[in-house]
Amino acid sequence: MRPEPAPTTARGTWAMTRHTLVLLVRDPGTPLAYTVMSLVLLSVLHPVYDRLATPAVPGVVQAAPGIAVMFTLLALDVAGQLLLSERTWRTWDRLRSSPATPTTILTGKALPLLALFLAQQAVLFLFATATFGFPLTAGTWRLPLLALLWAACVTACGLALGVHARSQGQLAAASDIGALTITCLSGCLVPLTVLPHWVSTVAPATPGYWALHGFQAAVTGDPRAYAHAAAVIAAITAAALWVAVRGTRR
């Protein structure tokens, strides 16, 4: 009797994607909570951003991207939990010893997360457009492309955390502290113009800074700033994916 052929990469990726979708659908509480919280925070803080805005740029152009970046970062633990759960269920070693390659495993985990983070951003931007006049159409193709890049960046960083975290406490501490630190230092929650000078100096070292400025450049029509931000986010994504793949092979 001939042995059955190993599943193709496409079949393996689809199987992993379907499994990940089931996990996300069964426990949608955290992503749903972050989405609702982002809408509430935007509604509450919008008047503050209007007071701090410059005449040329409406406050919502700062508020909506900043809050979108903030709550996508807070969802880092959702991405990390998908890999950490495999250890909790004692299936991680079995998964790595299967015919599925590290790339197949990570791709199957990443695709549903990309869709989740894109949906989270879309809900916020559509709400900001309908309620506060966010210039959504001014972003043309640039806004959805940057949303995809940012979703990929957060997904890659979350998977890298999930690969290396050894407990729920480690994952929660790394994701929560990291998300809050990046949010504060990048100017996503409070504009850099009202923060201490040293924050503006370190802000470009955070991925949130580039996501925020990329979204703003998308709707204000600054192609050079947009291209710079997109390139930096893509580089961070590639680095995080490399860390995740290396961790999966260990």
C-alpha atoms as a PDB file:
ATOM      1  CA  MET A   1       0.000   0.000   0.000  1.00  0.00           C
ATOM      2  CA  ARG A   2       1.349   3.387  -0.972  1.00  0.00           C
ATOM      3  CA  PRO A   3       1.538   6.011   1.768  1.00  0.00           C
ATOM      4  CA  GLU A   4      -0.795   8.953   1.335  1.00  0.00           C
ATOM      5  CA  PRO A   5       0.946  12.029  -0.050  1.00  0.00           C
ATOM      6  CA  ALA A   6       1.644  14.853   2.352  1.00  0.00           C
ATOM      7  CA  PRO A   7      -0.902  17.652   2.149  1.00  0.00           C
ATOM      8  CA  THR A   8       0.016  20.472  -0.152  1.00  0.00           C
ATOM      9  CA  THR A   9       0.997  23.834   1.215  1.00  0.00           C
ATOM     10  CA  ALA A  10      -2.320  25.321   0.105  1.00  0.00           C
ATOM     11  CA  ARG A  11      -4.333  22.561   1.810  1.00  0.00           C
ATOM     12  CA  GLY A  12      -2.259  22.842   4.962  1.00  0.00           C
ATOM     13  CA  THR A  13      -2.671  26.608   5.047  1.00  0.00           C
ATOM     14  CA  TRP A  14      -6.412  26.335   4.542  1.00  0.00           C
ATOM     15  CA  ALA A  15      -6.715  23.747   7.321  1.00  0.00           C
ATOM     16  CA  MET A  16      -4.804  26.006   9.706  1.00  0.00           C
ATOM     17  CA  THR A  17      -6.830  29.041   8.628  1.00  0.00           C
ATOM     18  CA  ARG A  18     -10.114  27.217   9.181  1.00  0.00           C
ATOM     19  CA  HIS A  19      -8.985  26.061  12.630  1.00  0.00           C
ATOM     20  CA  THR A  20      -7.978  29.621  13.562  1.00  0.00           C
ATOM     21  CA  LEU A  21     -11.303  31.007  12.335  1.00  0.00           C
ATOM     22  CA  VAL A  22     -13.159  28.552  14.537  1.00  0.00           C
ATOM     23  CA  LEU A  23     -11.153  29.676  17.571  1.00  0.00           C
ATOM     24  CA  LEU A  24     -11.830  33.349  16.863  1.00  0.00           C
ATOM     25  CA  VAL A  25     -15.545  32.834  16.221  1.00  0.00           C
ATOM     26  CA  ARG A  26     -15.976  30.810  19.396  1.00  0.00           C
ATOM     27  CA  ASP A  27     -14.492  33.553  21.547  1.00  0.00           C
ATOM     28  CA  PRO A  28     -15.128  36.951  19.916  1.00  0.00           C
ATOM     29  CA  GLY A  29     -15.391  38.832  23.210  1.00  0.00           C
ATOM     30  CA  THR A  30     -11.995  40.532  23.276  1.00  0.00           C
ATOM     31  CA  PRO A  31     -11.946  41.825  19.659  1.00  0.00           C
ATOM     32  CA  LEU A  32     -15.560  42.960  19.968  1.00  0.00           C
ATOM     33  CA  ALA A  33     -14.821  44.750  23.232  1.00  0.00           C
ATOM     34  CA  TYR A  34     -11.825  46.560  21.724  1.00  0.00           C
ATOM     35  CA  THR A  35     -13.925  47.667  18.753  1.00  0.00           C
ATOM     36  CA  VAL A  36     -16.711  49.060  20.926  1.00  0.00           C
ATOM     37  CA  MET A  37     -14.213  50.723  23.276  1.00  0.00           C
ATOM     38  CA  SER A  38     -12.530  52.449  20.343  1.00  0.00           C
ATOM     39  CA  LEU A  39     -15.850  53.953  19.231  1.00  0.00           C
ATOM     40  CA  VAL A  40     -16.601  55.143  22.760  1.00  0.00           C
ATOM     41  CA  LEU A  41     -13.150  56.676  23.212  1.00  0.00           C
ATOM     42  CA  LEU A  42     -13.328  58.459  19.852  1.00  0.00           C
ATOM     43  CA  SER A  43     -16.715  59.921  20.766  1.00  0.00           C
ATOM     44  CA  VAL A  44     -15.437  61.154  24.129  1.00  0.00           C
ATOM     45  CA  LEU A  45     -12.060  62.519  22.994  1.00  0.00           C
ATOM     46  CA  HIS A  46     -13.114  64.035  19.674  1.00  0.00           C
ATOM     47  CA  PRO A  47     -13.853  67.495  21.200  1.00  0.00           C
ATOM     48  CA  VAL A  48     -10.425  67.505  22.833  1.00  0.00           C
ATOM     49  CA  TYR A  49      -8.699  66.791  19.532  1.00  0.00           C
ATOM     50  CA  ASP A  50     -10.739  69.538  17.889  1.00  0.00           C
ATOM     51  CA  ARG A  51      -9.389  72.045  20.416  1.00  0.00           C
ATOM     52  CA  LEU A  52      -5.806  70.884  19.868  1.00  0.00           C
ATOM     53  CA  ALA A  53      -6.050  70.702  16.073  1.00  0.00           C
ATOM     54  CA  THR A  54      -4.343  73.111  13.714  1.00  0.00           C
ATOM     55  CA  PRO A  55      -6.554  75.134  11.347  1.00  0.00           C
ATOM     56  CA  ALA A  56      -5.377  73.131   8.324  1.00  0.00           C
ATOM     57  CA  VAL A  57      -6.020  69.658   9.774  1.00  0.00           C
ATOM     58  CA  PRO A  58      -9.319  68.716  11.498  1.00  0.00           C
ATOM     59  CA  GLY A  59      -9.108  67.071  14.902  1.00  0.00           C
ATOM     60  CA  VAL A  60     -10.674  63.864  13.623  1.00  0.00           C
ATOM     61  CA  VAL A  61      -7.690  63.327  11.291  1.00  0.00           C
ATOM     62  CA  GLN A  62      -5.551  62.973  14.437  1.00  0.00           C
ATOM     63  CA  ALA A  63      -8.149  61.259  16.607  1.00  0.00           C
ATOM     64  CA  ALA A  64      -9.456  58.476  14.349  1.00  0.00           C
ATOM     65  CA  PRO A  65      -6.070  57.110  13.158  1.00  0.00           C
ATOM     66  CA  GLY A  66      -4.586  57.408  16.646  1.00  0.00           C
ATOM     67  CA  ILE A  67      -7.379  55.460  18.287  1.00  0.00           C
ATOM     68  CA  ALA A  68      -7.385  52.898  15.455  1.00  0.00           C
ATOM     69  CA  VAL A  69      -3.673  52.297  15.994  1.00  0.00           C
ATOM     70  CA  MET A  70      -4.098  52.159  19.770  1.00  0.00           C
ATOM     71  CA  PHE A  71      -6.807  49.501  19.827  1.00  0.00           C
ATOM     72  CA  THR A  72      -5.153  47.412  17.138  1.00  0.00           C
ATOM     73  CA  LEU A  73      -2.046  47.366  19.310  1.00  0.00           C
ATOM     74  CA  LEU A  74      -4.107  46.355  22.340  1.00  0.00           C
ATOM     75  CA  ALA A  75      -5.254  43.347  20.301  1.00  0.00           C
ATOM     76  CA  LEU A  76      -1.680  42.039  20.163  1.00  0.00           C
ATOM     77  CA  ASP A  77      -2.610  39.518  22.835  1.00  0.00           C
ATOM     78  CA  VAL A  78      -5.336  38.109  20.581  1.00  0.00           C
ATOM     79  CA  ALA A  79      -2.684  37.210  17.993  1.00  0.00           C
ATOM     80  CA  GLY A  80      -0.254  35.882  20.568  1.00  0.00           C
ATOM     81  CA  GLN A  81      -2.919  33.803  22.284  1.00  0.00           C
ATOM     82  CA  LEU A  82      -3.533  31.781  19.126  1.00  0.00           C
ATOM     83  CA  LEU A  83      -0.023  30.326  19.347  1.00  0.00           C
ATOM     84  CA  LEU A  84       0.197  30.215  23.134  1.00  0.00           C
ATOM     85  CA  SER A  85      -3.013  28.175  23.236  1.00  0.00           C
ATOM     86  CA  GLU A  86      -1.285  25.463  21.223  1.00  0.00           C
ATOM     87  CA  ARG A  87       1.163  25.032  24.110  1.00  0.00           C
ATOM     88  CA  THR A  88      -1.621  25.125  26.679  1.00  0.00           C
ATOM     89  CA  TRP A  89      -3.455  22.363  24.834  1.00  0.00           C
ATOM     90  CA  ARG A  90      -0.202  20.361  24.407  1.00  0.00           C
ATOM     91  CA  THR A  91      -0.575  20.443  20.626  1.00  0.00           C
ATOM     92  CA  TRP A  92       2.378  22.717  19.763  1.00  0.00           C
ATOM     93  CA  ASP A  93       4.965  19.925  19.405  1.00  0.00           C
ATOM     94  CA  ARG A  94       2.518  17.816  17.413  1.00  0.00           C
ATOM     95  CA  LEU A  95       1.838  20.775  15.134  1.00  0.00           C
ATOM     96  CA  ARG A  96       5.524  21.431  14.525  1.00  0.00           C
ATOM     97  CA  SER A  97       6.208  17.759  13.800  1.00  0.00           C
ATOM     98  CA  SER A  98       3.407  17.618  11.220  1.00  0.00           C
ATOM     99  CA  PRO A  99       4.064  18.062   7.483  1.00  0.00           C
ATOM    100  CA  ALA A 100       3.095  21.727   7.858  1.00  0.00           C
ATOM    101  CA  THR A 101       6.061  24.071   7.531  1.00  0.00           C
ATOM    102  CA  PRO A 102       6.568  27.062   9.867  1.00  0.00           C
ATOM    103  CA  THR A 103       5.436  29.307   7.024  1.00  0.00           C
ATOM    104  CA  THR A 104       2.238  27.288   6.593  1.00  0.00           C
ATOM    105  CA  ILE A 105       1.504  27.405  10.324  1.00  0.00           C
ATOM    106  CA  LEU A 106       2.076  31.141  10.610  1.00  0.00           C
ATOM    107  CA  THR A 107       0.173  31.925   7.407  1.00  0.00           C
ATOM    108  CA  GLY A 108      -2.818  29.921   8.588  1.00  0.00           C
ATOM    109  CA  LYS A 109      -2.775  31.794  11.887  1.00  0.00           C
ATOM    110  CA  ALA A 110      -2.163  35.182  10.251  1.00  0.00           C
ATOM    111  CA  LEU A 111      -4.896  35.302   7.582  1.00  0.00           C
ATOM    112  CA  PRO A 112      -7.882  35.384   9.982  1.00  0.00           C
ATOM    113  CA  LEU A 113      -6.056  37.912  12.153  1.00  0.00           C
ATOM    114  CA  LEU A 114      -5.491  40.151   9.136  1.00  0.00           C
ATOM    115  CA  ALA A 115      -9.217  40.049   8.402  1.00  0.00           C
ATOM    116  CA  LEU A 116     -10.025  40.750  12.053  1.00  0.00           C
ATOM    117  CA  PHE A 117      -7.717  43.762  12.340  1.00  0.00           C
ATOM    118  CA  LEU A 118      -8.879  45.154   9.004  1.00  0.00           C
ATOM    119  CA  ALA A 119     -12.500  44.874  10.112  1.00  0.00           C
ATOM    120  CA  GLN A 120     -11.668  46.559  13.412  1.00  0.00           C
ATOM    121  CA  GLN A 121     -10.073  49.506  11.625  1.00  0.00           C
ATOM    122  CA  ALA A 122     -12.848  49.689   9.019  1.00  0.00           C
ATOM    123  CA  VAL A 123     -15.557  49.956  11.667  1.00  0.00           C
ATOM    124  CA  LEU A 124     -13.744  52.808  13.400  1.00  0.00           C
ATOM    125  CA  PHE A 125     -12.998  54.772  10.222  1.00  0.00           C
ATOM    126  CA  LEU A 126     -16.550  54.345   8.926  1.00  0.00           C
ATOM    127  CA  PHE A 127     -17.926  55.483  12.278  1.00  0.00           C
ATOM    128  CA  ALA A 128     -15.565  58.475  12.294  1.00  0.00           C
ATOM    129  CA  THR A 129     -16.655  59.364   8.759  1.00  0.00           C
ATOM    130  CA  ALA A 130     -20.376  59.120   9.460  1.00  0.00           C
ATOM    131  CA  THR A 131     -20.263  60.850  12.843  1.00  0.00           C
ATOM    132  CA  PHE A 132     -17.383  63.324  12.788  1.00  0.00           C
ATOM    133  CA  GLY A 133     -16.654  63.917   9.110  1.00  0.00           C
ATOM    134  CA  PHE A 134     -13.413  61.959   8.768  1.00  0.00           C
ATOM    135  CA  PRO A 135     -12.259  62.461   5.122  1.00  0.00           C
ATOM    136  CA  LEU A 136     -12.395  58.784   4.198  1.00  0.00           C
ATOM    137  CA  THR A 137     -12.662  59.274   0.443  1.00  0.00           C
ATOM    138  CA  ALA A 138      -9.586  61.521   0.444  1.00  0.00           C
ATOM    139  CA  GLY A 139      -7.518  58.463   1.332  1.00  0.00           C
ATOM    140  CA  THR A 140      -8.423  56.752  -2.006  1.00  0.00           C
ATOM    141  CA  TRP A 141      -6.342  53.534  -2.304  1.00  0.00           C
ATOM    142  CA  ARG A 142      -3.739  54.725   0.173  1.00  0.00           C
ATOM    143  CA  LEU A 143      -5.893  54.354   3.273  1.00  0.00           C
ATOM    144  CA  PRO A 144      -6.929  50.693   2.774  1.00  0.00           C
ATOM    145  CA  LEU A 145      -3.391  49.775   1.733  1.00  0.00           C
ATOM    146  CA  LEU A 146      -1.941  51.261   4.903  1.00  0.00           C
ATOM    147  CA  ALA A 147      -4.664  49.590   6.966  1.00  0.00           C
ATOM    148  CA  LEU A 148      -3.573  46.269   5.446  1.00  0.00           C
ATOM    149  CA  LEU A 149       0.105  46.986   6.133  1.00  0.00           C
ATOM    150  CA  TRP A 150      -0.642  47.953   9.718  1.00  0.00           C
ATOM    151  CA  ALA A 151      -2.836  44.878  10.242  1.00  0.00           C
ATOM    152  CA  ALA A 152       0.022  42.719   8.918  1.00  0.00           C
ATOM    153  CA  CYS A 153       2.494  44.474  11.228  1.00  0.00           C
ATOM    154  CA  VAL A 154       0.381  43.922  14.353  1.00  0.00           C
ATOM    155  CA  THR A 155      -0.314  40.327  13.318  1.00  0.00           C
ATOM    156  CA  ALA A 156       3.399  39.611  12.826  1.00  0.00           C
ATOM    157  CA  CYS A 157       4.333  41.212  16.150  1.00  0.00           C
ATOM    158  CA  GLY A 158       1.580  39.309  17.945  1.00  0.00           C
ATOM    159  CA  LEU A 159       2.662  35.982  16.460  1.00  0.00           C
ATOM    160  CA  ALA A 160       6.267  36.692  17.417  1.00  0.00           C
ATOM    161  CA  LEU A 161       5.133  37.300  20.996  1.00  0.00           C
ATOM    162  CA  GLY A 162       3.023  34.153  20.970  1.00  0.00           C
ATOM    163  CA  VAL A 163       5.904  32.009  19.746  1.00  0.00           C
ATOM    164  CA  HIS A 164       8.243  33.151  22.516  1.00  0.00           C
ATOM    165  CA  ALA A 165       5.819  33.633  25.438  1.00  0.00           C
ATOM    166  CA  ARG A 166       5.821  30.725  27.857  1.00  0.00           C
ATOM    167  CA  SER A 167       2.751  31.630  29.896  1.00  0.00           C
ATOM    168  CA  GLN A 168      -0.405  33.697  29.783  1.00  0.00           C
ATOM    169  CA  GLY A 169       1.151  36.102  32.282  1.00  0.00           C
ATOM    170  CA  GLN A 170       4.206  36.681  30.091  1.00  0.00           C
ATOM    171  CA  LEU A 171       2.057  37.291  27.031  1.00  0.00           C
ATOM    172  CA  ALA A 172      -0.313  39.652  28.835  1.00  0.00           C
ATOM    173  CA  ALA A 173       2.531  41.652  30.367  1.00  0.00           C
ATOM    174  CA  ALA A 174       4.448  41.965  27.101  1.00  0.00           C
ATOM    175  CA  SER A 175       1.420  42.826  24.959  1.00  0.00           C
ATOM    176  CA  ASP A 176      -0.291  45.191  27.404  1.00  0.00           C
ATOM    177  CA  ILE A 177       2.825  47.074  28.486  1.00  0.00           C
ATOM    178  CA  GLY A 178       4.126  47.183  24.934  1.00  0.00           C
ATOM    179  CA  ALA A 179       0.824  48.420  23.496  1.00  0.00           C
ATOM    180  CA  LEU A 180       0.390  51.108  26.144  1.00  0.00           C
ATOM    181  CA  THR A 181       3.994  52.283  25.850  1.00  0.00           C
ATOM    182  CA  ILE A 182       3.864  52.498  22.061  1.00  0.00           C
ATOM    183  CA  THR A 183       0.500  54.269  22.175  1.00  0.00           C
ATOM    184  CA  CYS A 184       1.758  56.919  24.579  1.00  0.00           C
ATOM    185  CA  LEU A 185       5.155  57.465  22.959  1.00  0.00           C
ATOM    186  CA  SER A 186       3.856  57.549  19.382  1.00  0.00           C
ATOM    187  CA  GLY A 187       1.352  60.342  19.913  1.00  0.00           C
ATOM    188  CA  CYS A 188      -1.646  58.123  19.163  1.00  0.00           C
ATOM    189  CA  LEU A 189      -3.541  58.953  22.348  1.00  0.00           C
ATOM    190  CA  VAL A 190      -2.310  62.510  22.911  1.00  0.00           C
ATOM    191  CA  PRO A 191      -0.746  64.648  20.142  1.00  0.00           C
ATOM    192  CA  LEU A 192       3.018  64.965  20.381  1.00  0.00           C
ATOM    193  CA  THR A 193       2.719  68.753  20.350  1.00  0.00           C
ATOM    194  CA  VAL A 194       1.382  68.765  23.922  1.00  0.00           C
ATOM    195  CA  LEU A 195       3.693  66.070  25.287  1.00  0.00           C
ATOM    196  CA  PRO A 196       7.194  66.599  26.732  1.00  0.00           C
ATOM    197  CA  HIS A 197       9.876  67.293  24.129  1.00  0.00           C
ATOM    198  CA  TRP A 198      11.707  64.021  24.773  1.00  0.00           C
ATOM    199  CA  VAL A 199       8.625  62.053  23.677  1.00  0.00           C
ATOM    200  CA  SER A 200       8.856  63.605  20.209  1.00  0.00           C
ATOM    201  CA  THR A 201      12.478  62.519  20.083  1.00  0.00           C
ATOM    202  CA  VAL A 202      11.790  58.841  20.784  1.00  0.00           C
ATOM    203  CA  ALA A 203       8.446  58.622  18.958  1.00  0.00           C
ATOM    204  CA  PRO A 204       9.951  57.613  15.567  1.00  0.00           C
ATOM    205  CA  ALA A 205      11.365  54.496  17.242  1.00  0.00           C
ATOM    206  CA  THR A 206       7.830  53.131  17.690  1.00  0.00           C
ATOM    207  CA  PRO A 207       5.773  51.451  14.947  1.00  0.00           C
ATOM    208  CA  GLY A 208       2.674  53.306  16.119  1.00  0.00           C
ATOM    209  CA  TYR A 209       4.256  56.622  15.163  1.00  0.00           C
ATOM    210  CA  TRP A 210       4.670  55.507  11.557  1.00  0.00           C
ATOM    211  CA  ALA A 211       1.180  54.026  11.386  1.00  0.00           C
ATOM    212  CA  LEU A 212      -0.347  57.238  12.716  1.00  0.00           C
ATOM    213  CA  HIS A 213       1.594  59.433  10.300  1.00  0.00           C
ATOM    214  CA  GLY A 214       0.903  57.063   7.432  1.00  0.00           C
ATOM    215  CA  PHE A 215      -2.850  57.262   7.985  1.00  0.00           C
ATOM    216  CA  GLN A 216      -2.671  61.039   8.259  1.00  0.00           C
ATOM    217  CA  ALA A 217      -0.547  61.314   5.118  1.00  0.00           C
ATOM    218  CA  ALA A 218      -3.030  59.076   3.271  1.00  0.00           C
ATOM    219  CA  VAL A 219      -5.921  61.496   3.792  1.00  0.00           C
ATOM    220  CA  THR A 220      -3.952  64.749   3.617  1.00  0.00           C
ATOM    221  CA  GLY A 221      -2.259  63.793   0.345  1.00  0.00           C
ATOM    222  CA  ASP A 222       1.420  63.765   1.337  1.00  0.00           C
ATOM    223  CA  PRO A 223       2.909  61.045  -0.908  1.00  0.00           C
ATOM    224  CA  ARG A 224       6.471  61.297   0.433  1.00  0.00           C
ATOM    225  CA  ALA A 225       5.415  60.956   4.081  1.00  0.00           C
ATOM    226  CA  TYR A 226       3.035  58.148   3.133  1.00  0.00           C
ATOM    227  CA  ALA A 227       5.700  56.177   1.265  1.00  0.00           C
ATOM    228  CA  HIS A 228       8.168  56.620   4.130  1.00  0.00           C
ATOM    229  CA  ALA A 229       5.656  55.417   6.715  1.00  0.00           C
ATOM    230  CA  ALA A 230       4.581  52.442   4.589  1.00  0.00           C
ATOM    231  CA  ALA A 231       8.193  51.379   4.040  1.00  0.00           C
ATOM    232  CA  VAL A 232       9.006  51.517   7.750  1.00  0.00           C
ATOM    233  CA  ILE A 233       5.891  49.515   8.670  1.00  0.00           C
ATOM    234  CA  ALA A 234       6.733  46.898   6.015  1.00  0.00           C
ATOM    235  CA  ALA A 235      10.281  46.596   7.389  1.00  0.00           C
ATOM    236  CA  ILE A 236       8.997  46.113  10.947  1.00  0.00           C
ATOM    237  CA  THR A 237       6.569  43.477   9.696  1.00  0.00           C
ATOM    238  CA  ALA A 238       9.343  41.584   7.919  1.00  0.00           C
ATOM    239  CA  ALA A 239      11.534  41.655  11.043  1.00  0.00           C
ATOM    240  CA  ALA A 240       8.695  40.405  13.258  1.00  0.00           C
ATOM    241  CA  LEU A 241       7.873  37.604  10.809  1.00  0.00           C
ATOM    242  CA  TRP A 242      11.522  36.542  10.793  1.00  0.00           C
ATOM    243  CA  VAL A 243      11.458  36.361  14.599  1.00  0.00           C
ATOM    244  CA  ALA A 244       8.233  34.350  14.506  1.00  0.00           C
ATOM    245  CA  VAL A 245       9.534  31.880  11.913  1.00  0.00           C
ATOM    246  CA  ARG A 246      12.797  31.401  13.817  1.00  0.00           C
ATOM    247  CA  GLY A 247      10.840  30.781  17.009  1.00  0.00           C
ATOM    248  CA  THR A 248       8.592  28.241  15.303  1.00  0.00           C
ATOM    249  CA  ARG A 249      11.612  26.260  14.104  1.00  0.00           C
ATOM    250  CA  ARG A 250      13.217  26.062  17.542  1.00  0.00           C
END
